[in-house]
């Protein structure tokens, strides 16, 4: 795994999505209270851009067809529908956000 600096906690507004690139990978950052989650930008259904989706609590909905994913695990919250999206470990150190990409 390689670790990448992707921004500052102060620049990430709670409930808003931020698309970043780490090691050539498109990653969506989401701040929920003081936690930050990171997942793939590509929906497992038909490749919709999750960075353009909608966040409700710890769930992220794809803008194309509404598939919802749990930001903590990447699991689709409609289990009969499909697979999980990739998630990435996040660390915050001194206000800096770091994401680990495999």
Protein backbone atom coordinates (compact mmCIF):
# COMPACT_ATOMS: atom_id res chain seq x y z
CA UNK A 1 0.00 0.00 0.00
CA UNK A 2 1.11 3.51 -0.69
CA UNK A 3 0.03 6.49 1.36
CA UNK A 4 -1.03 9.75 -0.29
CA UNK A 5 -1.75 13.23 1.03
CA UNK A 6 -5.13 14.26 -0.44
CA UNK A 7 -6.01 17.47 1.40
CA UNK A 8 -6.72 19.21 4.66
CA UNK A 9 -9.59 18.40 7.02
CA UNK A 10 -10.46 22.12 7.25
CA UNK A 11 -11.05 22.19 3.48
CA UNK A 12 -13.50 19.27 3.51
CA UNK A 13 -17.03 20.35 4.39
CA UNK A 14 -19.16 17.78 6.23
CA UNK A 15 -21.68 16.10 3.94
CA UNK A 16 -20.09 17.28 0.71
CA UNK A 17 -18.22 15.07 -1.75
CA UNK A 18 -14.72 15.84 -2.94
CA UNK A 19 -13.04 14.05 -5.83
CA UNK A 20 -9.26 13.64 -5.54
CA UNK A 21 -6.68 11.58 -7.37
CA UNK A 22 -4.20 9.40 -5.50
CA UNK A 23 -1.65 7.30 -7.37
CA UNK A 24 -3.77 7.55 -10.55
CA UNK A 25 -6.91 6.39 -8.71
CA UNK A 26 -10.05 8.56 -8.59
CA UNK A 27 -11.12 8.69 -4.94
CA UNK A 28 -14.19 10.27 -3.37
CA UNK A 29 -13.68 11.84 0.06
CA UNK A 30 -16.64 12.35 2.37
CA UNK A 31 -16.57 13.96 5.80
CA UNK A 32 -19.20 12.77 8.25
CA UNK A 33 -18.83 14.81 11.44
CA UNK A 34 -15.11 14.46 12.25
CA UNK A 35 -14.59 11.20 10.33
CA UNK A 36 -13.43 11.04 6.73
CA UNK A 37 -14.24 8.15 4.42
CA UNK A 38 -12.69 7.37 1.04
CA UNK A 39 -14.11 5.19 -1.72
CA UNK A 40 -13.80 4.56 -5.43
CA UNK A 41 -15.46 7.08 -7.73
CA UNK A 42 -16.98 4.34 -9.88
CA UNK A 43 -20.35 2.75 -9.07
CA UNK A 44 -20.31 -1.04 -9.42
CA UNK A 45 -23.63 -0.98 -11.29
CA UNK A 46 -22.84 0.89 -14.51
CA UNK A 47 -19.81 2.98 -13.62
CA UNK A 48 -21.62 6.13 -12.52
CA UNK A 49 -19.49 8.90 -10.96
CA UNK A 50 -20.08 8.57 -7.21
CA UNK A 51 -18.38 11.96 -6.71
CA UNK A 52 -21.55 13.49 -8.22
CA UNK A 53 -23.83 11.51 -5.91
CA UNK A 54 -25.69 12.34 -2.70
CA UNK A 55 -24.66 11.65 0.89
CA UNK A 56 -27.11 10.77 3.65
CA UNK A 57 -25.36 9.96 6.93
CA UNK A 58 -22.80 7.31 6.02
CA UNK A 59 -24.53 6.31 2.78
CA UNK A 60 -23.57 7.47 -0.69
CA UNK A 61 -26.08 7.26 -3.56
CA UNK A 62 -25.00 7.03 -7.19
CA UNK A 63 -26.41 9.89 -9.30
CA UNK A 64 -27.29 7.63 -12.23
CA UNK A 65 -29.59 4.99 -10.72
CA UNK A 66 -29.66 5.64 -6.98
CA UNK A 67 -27.67 2.59 -5.86
CA UNK A 68 -26.58 3.25 -2.27
CA UNK A 69 -23.31 2.26 -0.64
CA UNK A 70 -22.21 2.26 2.99
CA UNK A 71 -19.15 4.52 3.20
CA UNK A 72 -17.72 2.50 6.09
CA UNK A 73 -17.55 -0.81 4.23
CA UNK A 74 -18.32 -0.06 0.58
CA UNK A 75 -21.17 -2.59 0.69
CA UNK A 76 -24.24 -1.96 -1.42
CA UNK A 77 -27.13 -1.38 1.00
CA UNK A 78 -29.43 -3.22 -1.40
CA UNK A 79 -27.65 -6.60 -1.15
CA UNK A 80 -29.57 -8.29 -3.92
CA UNK A 81 -28.41 -5.62 -6.34
CA UNK A 82 -24.68 -5.88 -6.41
CA UNK A 83 -21.15 -5.65 -5.26
CA UNK A 84 -19.32 -3.26 -3.09
CA UNK A 85 -17.27 -0.25 -4.12
CA UNK A 86 -13.64 -0.08 -3.15
CA UNK A 87 -12.86 1.72 0.08
CA UNK A 88 -9.53 3.08 1.25
CA UNK A 89 -8.10 3.54 4.75
CA UNK A 90 -7.97 7.19 5.83
CA UNK A 91 -5.75 8.76 8.47
CA UNK A 92 -5.81 12.32 9.71
CA UNK A 93 -2.59 13.72 11.13
CA UNK A 94 -2.22 17.34 12.14
CA UNK A 95 -5.24 18.25 10.02
CA UNK A 96 -3.83 16.53 6.91
CA UNK A 97 -5.85 13.79 5.21
CA UNK A 98 -3.95 10.70 4.05
CA UNK A 99 -5.39 7.85 1.97
CA UNK A 100 -3.81 4.42 1.47
CA UNK A 101 -4.09 2.95 -2.01
CA UNK A 102 -3.28 -0.71 -2.62
